[in-house]
């Protein structure tokens, strides 16, 4: 828009000298010069005007539109196009990453567990699928040695990790790795191999710390704590990415991972309340799930923004700070432990507990 000169009394040309803002116009239809129903505009040289206009000529008169309105519509359309393009790019990015990212680590983890079991069987005097393999006490998780030595083994940090490659029998390793294979695949597909390493390594440490607090006199083997840790982490991933709806394939995979994680929890509940077995380390399962969930809230990312979820980060950090402070303190300072094994259904005290805590060796006890 331009501001015209001020009022002038020397001319009656309203289009050039009237005190109004001049607007550019869009001519959508011009009147036909051949039409009998034509009109005459205000002349630049006389004050004569045509006194009558026909209906047809009025309909064919040019009319003005605001250029600003056209420009706004163009800008709005441009913004919508850019927004749709951005969504399309994000969707394409997620889809490309989903297909092009190399999901490989979960297979090697399962392979290492099975190779360890098979090699352990080969090293036995006679192959027996019903016994522990590898049959090596240096690999299982325990913080107190066998009775009657009952020595402090808390410094054997490697046991936090090597217990995952030892299993009680072939049925034990089969069902553990079957479920673990599926959950590890989901985790690595959705969050990448680095997140997988992060969850498995730290959850192994926290499971050991918590298990030692509640059941310091037991021995534990198997990778079931990794199953529950991955289950907890996948639920944390769903919590962080539940609003991401840009890619159908990713949504489908995340929903399947949530379903699998819920089924693991339901199976554990049924096992504990209806199919309870004294040789299952339920506390190890629960410790794995709790640590996996809160570690997931801390370390897993929003897959669209590639950033941490602030709410999840605050919740996870506070929870893991409390867990670390409490259980690490007791792991270091509480020796010998006065805690009797929680969920112990043997009916007998542990021999090392009686010898170390009560200084008694001549009572019936569980070795």
Protein backbone atom coordinates (compact mmCIF):
# COMPACT_ATOMS: atom_id res chain seq x y z
CA UNK A 1 0.00 0.00 0.00
CA UNK A 2 1.07 3.55 -0.65
CA UNK A 3 -0.13 6.76 0.92
CA UNK A 4 -1.39 9.24 -1.83
CA UNK A 5 -0.94 13.04 -1.76
CA UNK A 6 -3.34 15.20 0.28
CA UNK A 7 -6.72 16.59 -0.85
CA UNK A 8 -6.71 18.75 -4.00
CA UNK A 9 -9.41 21.18 -5.13
CA UNK A 10 -8.02 21.61 -8.66
CA UNK A 11 -9.30 18.33 -10.02
CA UNK A 12 -12.21 16.01 -9.64
CA UNK A 13 -10.19 12.91 -10.54
CA UNK A 14 -11.05 10.80 -7.52
CA UNK A 15 -8.77 7.95 -8.49
CA UNK A 16 -5.72 10.16 -8.37
CA UNK A 17 -6.47 12.87 -5.82
CA UNK A 18 -9.00 11.55 -3.32
CA UNK A 19 -7.89 11.27 0.30
CA UNK A 20 -8.05 7.48 0.45
CA UNK A 21 -5.58 4.62 0.44
CA UNK A 22 -5.05 3.27 -3.03
CA UNK A 23 -5.48 -0.50 -3.21
CA UNK A 24 -4.20 -2.72 -5.97
CA UNK A 25 -6.97 -4.73 -7.52
CA UNK A 26 -7.30 -8.10 -9.10
CA UNK A 27 -9.29 -7.99 -12.31
CA UNK A 28 -11.26 -11.18 -12.46
CA UNK A 29 -13.53 -10.25 -15.38
CA UNK A 30 -13.49 -7.20 -17.62
CA UNK A 31 -16.58 -5.89 -19.38
CA UNK A 32 -16.86 -6.57 -23.04
CA UNK A 33 -16.31 -3.53 -25.27
CA UNK A 34 -18.81 -4.94 -27.74
CA UNK A 35 -21.55 -5.28 -25.18
CA UNK A 36 -24.55 -3.06 -25.56
CA UNK A 37 -24.74 -2.90 -21.79
CA UNK A 38 -21.46 -1.11 -21.20
CA UNK A 39 -20.59 1.54 -18.72
CA UNK A 40 -18.33 4.56 -18.66
CA UNK A 41 -15.89 5.14 -15.82
CA UNK A 42 -15.30 8.55 -14.38
CA UNK A 43 -13.50 10.53 -17.02
CA UNK A 44 -10.18 12.15 -16.42
CA UNK A 45 -11.28 15.16 -18.54
CA UNK A 46 -14.92 15.81 -17.70
CA UNK A 47 -17.46 15.55 -14.95
CA UNK A 48 -19.91 13.63 -17.14
CA UNK A 49 -20.82 10.16 -16.05
CA UNK A 50 -23.06 7.54 -17.52
CA UNK A 51 -26.34 7.82 -15.68
CA UNK A 52 -27.51 4.25 -16.07
CA UNK A 53 -25.91 0.82 -15.91
CA UNK A 54 -27.53 -2.41 -16.99
CA UNK A 55 -27.61 -5.50 -14.74
CA UNK A 56 -25.27 -7.37 -17.04
CA UNK A 57 -22.73 -4.61 -16.99
CA UNK A 58 -22.87 -4.47 -13.19
CA UNK A 59 -22.21 -8.21 -12.99
CA UNK A 60 -19.26 -7.87 -15.34
CA UNK A 61 -17.71 -4.94 -13.52
CA UNK A 62 -14.18 -5.47 -12.22
CA UNK A 63 -13.96 -5.82 -8.47
CA UNK A 64 -11.13 -5.40 -5.99
CA UNK A 65 -9.73 -7.89 -3.53
CA UNK A 66 -7.24 -7.32 -0.75
CA UNK A 67 -3.78 -8.32 -1.90
CA UNK A 68 -2.97 -8.80 1.79
CA UNK A 69 -5.61 -11.54 1.97
CA UNK A 70 -4.10 -13.31 -1.00
CA UNK A 71 -0.65 -13.03 0.48
CA UNK A 72 -1.86 -14.41 3.84
CA UNK A 73 -3.51 -17.33 2.13
CA UNK A 74 -0.31 -18.01 0.24
CA UNK A 75 1.78 -17.83 3.42
CA UNK A 76 -0.62 -20.11 5.31
CA UNK A 77 -0.54 -22.60 2.47
CA UNK A 78 3.24 -22.42 2.46
CA UNK A 79 3.37 -23.11 6.21
CA UNK A 80 1.03 -26.08 5.87
CA UNK A 81 3.15 -27.45 3.05
CA UNK A 82 6.33 -27.06 5.09
CA UNK A 83 4.67 -28.70 8.14
CA UNK A 84 3.48 -31.66 6.08
CA UNK A 85 6.93 -31.91 4.52
CA UNK A 86 8.52 -31.96 7.99
CA UNK A 87 6.19 -34.73 9.17
CA UNK A 88 6.91 -36.66 5.99
CA UNK A 89 10.66 -36.23 6.52
CA UNK A 90 10.39 -37.44 10.15
CA UNK A 91 8.31 -40.39 9.08
CA UNK A 92 10.76 -41.20 6.30
CA UNK A 93 13.68 -40.81 8.71
CA UNK A 94 12.13 -43.19 11.23
CA UNK A 95 11.24 -45.65 8.51
CA UNK A 96 14.72 -45.52 6.97
CA UNK A 97 16.37 -45.97 10.36
CA UNK A 98 14.00 -48.81 11.17
CA UNK A 99 14.99 -50.72 8.07
CA UNK A 100 18.60 -49.64 7.60
CA UNK A 101 19.82 -49.87 11.20
CA UNK A 102 21.75 -53.08 11.70
CA UNK A 103 20.08 -55.07 14.44
CA UNK A 104 22.73 -57.63 15.30
CA UNK A 105 23.79 -57.66 18.95
CA UNK A 106 20.79 -59.55 20.36
CA UNK A 107 21.68 -62.61 18.25
CA UNK A 108 25.24 -62.70 19.54
CA UNK A 109 24.10 -62.42 23.16
CA UNK A 110 21.86 -65.47 22.74
CA UNK A 111 24.65 -67.26 20.86
CA UNK A 112 27.16 -66.67 23.68
CA UNK A 113 24.71 -68.02 26.28
CA UNK A 114 24.07 -71.18 24.28
CA UNK A 115 27.73 -71.73 23.38
CA UNK A 116 28.64 -71.48 27.06
CA UNK A 117 26.03 -74.07 27.92
CA UNK A 118 27.08 -76.47 25.14
CA UNK A 119 30.79 -76.16 25.93
CA UNK A 120 29.97 -76.80 29.58
CA UNK A 121 28.13 -79.98 28.61
CA UNK A 122 31.08 -81.17 26.54
CA UNK A 123 33.44 -80.63 29.47
CA UNK A 124 31.32 -82.77 31.79
CA UNK A 125 32.53 -86.34 32.43
CA UNK A 126 29.27 -87.44 30.85
CA UNK A 127 26.84 -85.28 28.92
CA UNK A 128 23.80 -84.67 31.08
CA UNK A 129 21.11 -82.19 30.08
CA UNK A 130 19.66 -82.24 33.58
CA UNK A 131 22.58 -80.68 35.44
CA UNK A 132 24.08 -77.20 35.70
CA UNK A 133 26.24 -76.10 32.80
CA UNK A 134 28.89 -74.75 32.76
CA UNK A 135 29.50 -76.58 36.04
CA UNK A 136 31.89 -74.01 37.47
CA UNK A 137 31.30 -72.40 40.86
CA UNK A 138 33.47 -69.44 39.90
CA UNK A 139 30.81 -68.29 37.45
CA UNK A 140 27.64 -68.43 39.58
CA UNK A 141 26.39 -65.51 41.66
CA UNK A 142 27.10 -65.82 45.37
CA UNK A 143 28.58 -63.48 47.96
CA UNK A 144 29.40 -66.19 50.54
CA UNK A 145 31.37 -69.33 49.75
CA UNK A 146 30.29 -72.89 50.40
CA UNK A 147 29.80 -74.22 53.90
CA UNK A 148 31.89 -74.73 56.03
CA UNK A 149 34.29 -72.10 54.60
CA UNK A 150 31.60 -69.39 54.43
CA UNK A 151 34.12 -66.77 53.36
CA UNK A 152 33.41 -63.30 52.01
CA UNK A 153 33.15 -63.26 48.21
CA UNK A 154 31.72 -59.79 47.65
CA UNK A 155 34.86 -58.77 45.79
CA UNK A 156 34.15 -61.22 42.94
CA UNK A 157 32.49 -58.57 40.82
CA UNK A 158 32.56 -60.68 37.65
CA UNK A 159 29.89 -62.94 39.17
CA UNK A 160 27.31 -60.19 38.54
CA UNK A 161 27.73 -60.90 34.81
CA UNK A 162 28.90 -64.51 34.43
CA UNK A 163 25.85 -65.90 36.21
CA UNK A 164 23.87 -65.14 33.02
CA UNK A 165 25.72 -67.82 31.04
CA UNK A 166 25.15 -70.59 33.60
CA UNK A 167 21.87 -72.55 33.63
CA UNK A 168 20.48 -75.33 35.76
CA UNK A 169 19.37 -77.60 32.89
CA UNK A 170 18.38 -77.53 29.23
CA UNK A 171 14.78 -76.59 30.02
CA UNK A 172 16.02 -73.63 32.05
CA UNK A 173 18.16 -72.21 29.25
CA UNK A 174 15.60 -72.95 26.53
CA UNK A 175 12.74 -70.94 28.02
CA UNK A 176 15.00 -68.16 29.27
CA UNK A 177 16.64 -67.57 25.90
CA UNK A 178 13.40 -68.01 23.95
CA UNK A 179 11.77 -65.06 25.71
CA UNK A 180 15.02 -63.09 25.96
CA UNK A 181 15.60 -63.41 22.19
CA UNK A 182 12.27 -61.75 21.43
CA UNK A 183 12.62 -58.94 24.00
CA UNK A 184 16.22 -58.16 23.04
CA UNK A 185 15.16 -57.91 19.40
CA UNK A 186 12.46 -55.38 20.27
CA UNK A 187 14.83 -53.36 22.45
CA UNK A 188 17.62 -53.17 19.89
CA UNK A 189 15.19 -52.41 17.05
CA UNK A 190 13.54 -49.53 18.91
CA UNK A 191 16.51 -48.05 20.78
CA UNK A 192 19.72 -49.44 19.24
CA UNK A 193 22.51 -51.69 20.44
CA UNK A 194 24.05 -49.10 22.78
CA UNK A 195 20.86 -48.94 24.82
CA UNK A 196 20.85 -52.74 24.91
CA UNK A 197 24.35 -52.84 26.39
CA UNK A 198 23.43 -50.12 28.85
CA UNK A 199 20.33 -51.93 30.14
CA UNK A 200 21.86 -55.40 30.36
CA UNK A 201 25.12 -54.40 32.05
CA UNK A 202 23.71 -52.04 34.68
CA UNK A 203 20.66 -54.17 35.45
CA UNK A 204 23.00 -57.12 36.12
CA UNK A 205 24.82 -55.06 38.75
CA UNK A 206 21.67 -53.78 40.43
CA UNK A 207 20.06 -57.22 40.42
CA UNK A 208 23.09 -58.58 42.27
CA UNK A 209 23.03 -55.76 44.82
CA UNK A 210 19.33 -56.19 45.55
CA UNK A 211 19.48 -59.99 45.60
CA UNK A 212 22.37 -59.89 48.03
CA UNK A 213 20.36 -57.66 50.37
CA UNK A 214 17.28 -59.88 50.53
CA UNK A 215 18.92 -63.30 50.05
CA UNK A 216 22.61 -63.06 50.94
CA UNK A 217 23.14 -66.80 51.52
CA UNK A 218 21.84 -68.20 48.26
CA UNK A 219 23.45 -69.05 44.93
CA UNK A 220 21.80 -67.94 41.70
CA UNK A 221 22.27 -68.88 38.03
CA UNK A 222 20.53 -68.02 34.78
CA UNK A 223 19.67 -65.03 32.58
CA UNK A 224 16.07 -64.64 33.71
CA UNK A 225 16.93 -61.34 35.42
CA UNK A 226 17.90 -60.03 31.98
CA UNK A 227 14.49 -61.08 30.66
CA UNK A 228 12.76 -59.00 33.31
CA UNK A 229 15.20 -56.11 32.98
CA UNK A 230 14.52 -55.89 29.25
CA UNK A 231 10.78 -56.17 29.91
CA UNK A 232 10.94 -53.23 32.32
CA UNK A 233 13.03 -51.20 29.88
CA UNK A 234 10.55 -51.80 27.05
CA UNK A 235 7.71 -50.52 29.20
CA UNK A 236 9.83 -47.45 29.97
CA UNK A 237 10.39 -47.03 26.22
CA UNK A 238 6.64 -47.13 25.63
CA UNK A 239 6.09 -44.51 28.35
CA UNK A 240 8.65 -42.20 26.70
CA UNK A 241 7.47 -42.72 23.10
CA UNK A 242 3.75 -43.36 23.56
CA UNK A 243 2.83 -40.11 21.73
CA UNK A 244 5.02 -40.75 18.69
CA UNK A 245 2.63 -41.68 15.89
CA UNK A 246 4.65 -40.75 12.82
CA UNK A 247 5.50 -44.22 11.57
CA UNK A 248 3.10 -47.15 11.41
CA UNK A 249 5.81 -49.82 11.47
CA UNK A 250 7.49 -48.38 14.56
CA UNK A 251 4.11 -48.05 16.30
CA UNK A 252 3.30 -51.68 15.48
CA UNK A 253 6.67 -52.88 16.79
CA UNK A 254 6.39 -50.82 19.98
CA UNK A 255 2.89 -52.14 20.66
CA UNK A 256 4.10 -55.71 20.20
CA UNK A 257 6.98 -55.08 22.61
CA UNK A 258 4.54 -53.73 25.19
CA UNK A 259 2.31 -56.79 24.80
CA UNK A 260 5.27 -59.15 25.20
CA UNK A 261 6.45 -57.27 28.32
CA UNK A 262 3.00 -57.43 29.90
CA UNK A 263 2.78 -61.17 29.20
CA UNK A 264 6.11 -61.67 30.98
CA UNK A 265 4.74 -59.86 34.04
CA UNK A 266 1.49 -61.84 34.00
CA UNK A 267 3.37 -65.12 33.74
CA UNK A 268 5.53 -64.14 36.71
CA UNK A 269 2.46 -63.29 38.79
CA UNK A 270 0.84 -66.64 37.95
CA UNK A 271 4.07 -68.49 38.68
CA UNK A 272 4.50 -66.88 42.09
CA UNK A 273 0.93 -67.22 43.31
CA UNK A 274 -0.16 -70.48 41.68
CA UNK A 275 2.98 -72.38 40.60
CA UNK A 276 5.45 -71.37 43.29
CA UNK A 277 8.81 -73.18 43.21
CA UNK A 278 11.40 -72.77 45.92
CA UNK A 279 14.34 -72.99 43.49
CA UNK A 280 13.24 -69.92 41.48
CA UNK A 281 14.89 -66.64 42.48
CA UNK A 282 11.77 -64.47 42.31
CA UNK A 283 13.56 -61.59 44.00
CA UNK A 284 16.15 -61.66 41.23
CA UNK A 285 13.34 -61.37 38.67
CA UNK A 286 11.73 -58.43 40.43
CA UNK A 287 15.07 -56.72 40.99
CA UNK A 288 15.82 -57.07 37.28
CA UNK A 289 12.47 -55.58 36.27
CA UNK A 290 12.68 -52.63 38.67
CA UNK A 291 16.24 -51.75 37.68
CA UNK A 292 15.47 -52.19 33.96
CA UNK A 293 12.43 -49.92 34.17
CA UNK A 294 14.10 -47.04 36.02
CA UNK A 295 17.32 -47.35 34.02
CA UNK A 296 15.15 -47.18 30.90
CA UNK A 297 13.51 -43.97 32.08
CA UNK A 298 16.98 -42.47 32.49
CA UNK A 299 18.83 -43.73 29.44
CA UNK A 300 16.28 -44.35 26.68
CA UNK A 301 15.50 -41.56 24.22
CA UNK A 302 12.50 -40.13 22.46
CA UNK A 303 13.03 -41.72 19.04
CA UNK A 304 11.70 -38.64 17.23
CA UNK A 305 13.66 -35.88 18.94
CA UNK A 306 16.61 -38.08 19.98
CA UNK A 307 16.45 -36.43 23.41
CA UNK A 308 15.62 -37.65 26.90
CA UNK A 309 12.11 -37.26 28.24
CA UNK A 310 12.37 -34.77 31.11
CA UNK A 311 9.64 -36.30 33.26
CA UNK A 312 11.01 -39.81 32.77
CA UNK A 313 14.54 -38.59 33.48
CA UNK A 314 13.53 -36.98 36.78
CA UNK A 315 11.57 -40.04 37.95
CA UNK A 316 14.28 -42.50 36.94
CA UNK A 317 17.16 -40.48 38.38
CA UNK A 318 15.50 -40.04 41.76
CA UNK A 319 14.52 -43.71 41.98
CA UNK A 320 17.96 -45.01 40.98
CA UNK A 321 19.69 -42.60 43.35
CA UNK A 322 17.72 -44.07 46.26
CA UNK A 323 18.26 -47.65 45.09
CA UNK A 324 21.98 -47.14 44.57
CA UNK A 325 22.54 -45.40 47.91
CA UNK A 326 20.59 -47.92 49.96
CA UNK A 327 21.62 -51.25 48.44
CA UNK A 328 25.23 -50.33 47.70
CA UNK A 329 25.67 -49.21 51.30
CA UNK A 330 24.43 -52.55 52.62
CA UNK A 331 26.49 -54.48 50.09
CA UNK A 332 29.65 -52.77 51.38
CA UNK A 333 28.91 -52.30 55.08
CA UNK A 334 26.63 -55.18 56.10
CA UNK A 335 28.94 -58.10 56.83
CA UNK A 336 28.14 -60.62 58.03
CA UNK A 337 24.59 -60.10 56.94
CA UNK A 338 21.89 -60.53 59.58
CA UNK A 339 19.24 -60.89 56.91
CA UNK A 340 17.69 -64.30 56.56
CA UNK A 341 16.68 -65.20 53.06
CA UNK A 342 13.35 -63.69 52.09
CA UNK A 343 10.88 -66.16 50.53
CA UNK A 344 12.87 -69.05 51.97
CA UNK A 345 10.66 -72.13 52.02
CA UNK A 346 13.26 -74.71 53.07
CA UNK A 347 12.19 -74.55 56.69
CA UNK A 348 15.84 -74.64 57.77
CA UNK A 349 18.32 -71.81 58.40
CA UNK A 350 21.33 -71.57 56.14
CA UNK A 351 24.40 -73.19 57.62
CA UNK A 352 26.64 -70.21 56.87
CA UNK A 353 24.13 -67.93 58.57
CA UNK A 354 24.15 -70.06 61.73
CA UNK A 355 27.92 -70.32 61.77
CA UNK A 356 28.75 -66.67 61.00
CA UNK A 357 25.93 -64.85 62.80
CA UNK A 358 25.03 -67.20 65.65
CA UNK A 359 28.37 -69.05 65.89
CA UNK A 360 26.52 -72.36 65.88
CA UNK A 361 27.52 -75.43 63.87
CA UNK A 362 25.65 -78.30 65.49
CA UNK A 363 22.08 -77.49 64.39
CA UNK A 364 20.15 -78.77 61.38
CA UNK A 365 20.75 -76.32 58.56
CA UNK A 366 20.52 -75.86 54.84
CA UNK A 367 23.80 -75.85 52.98
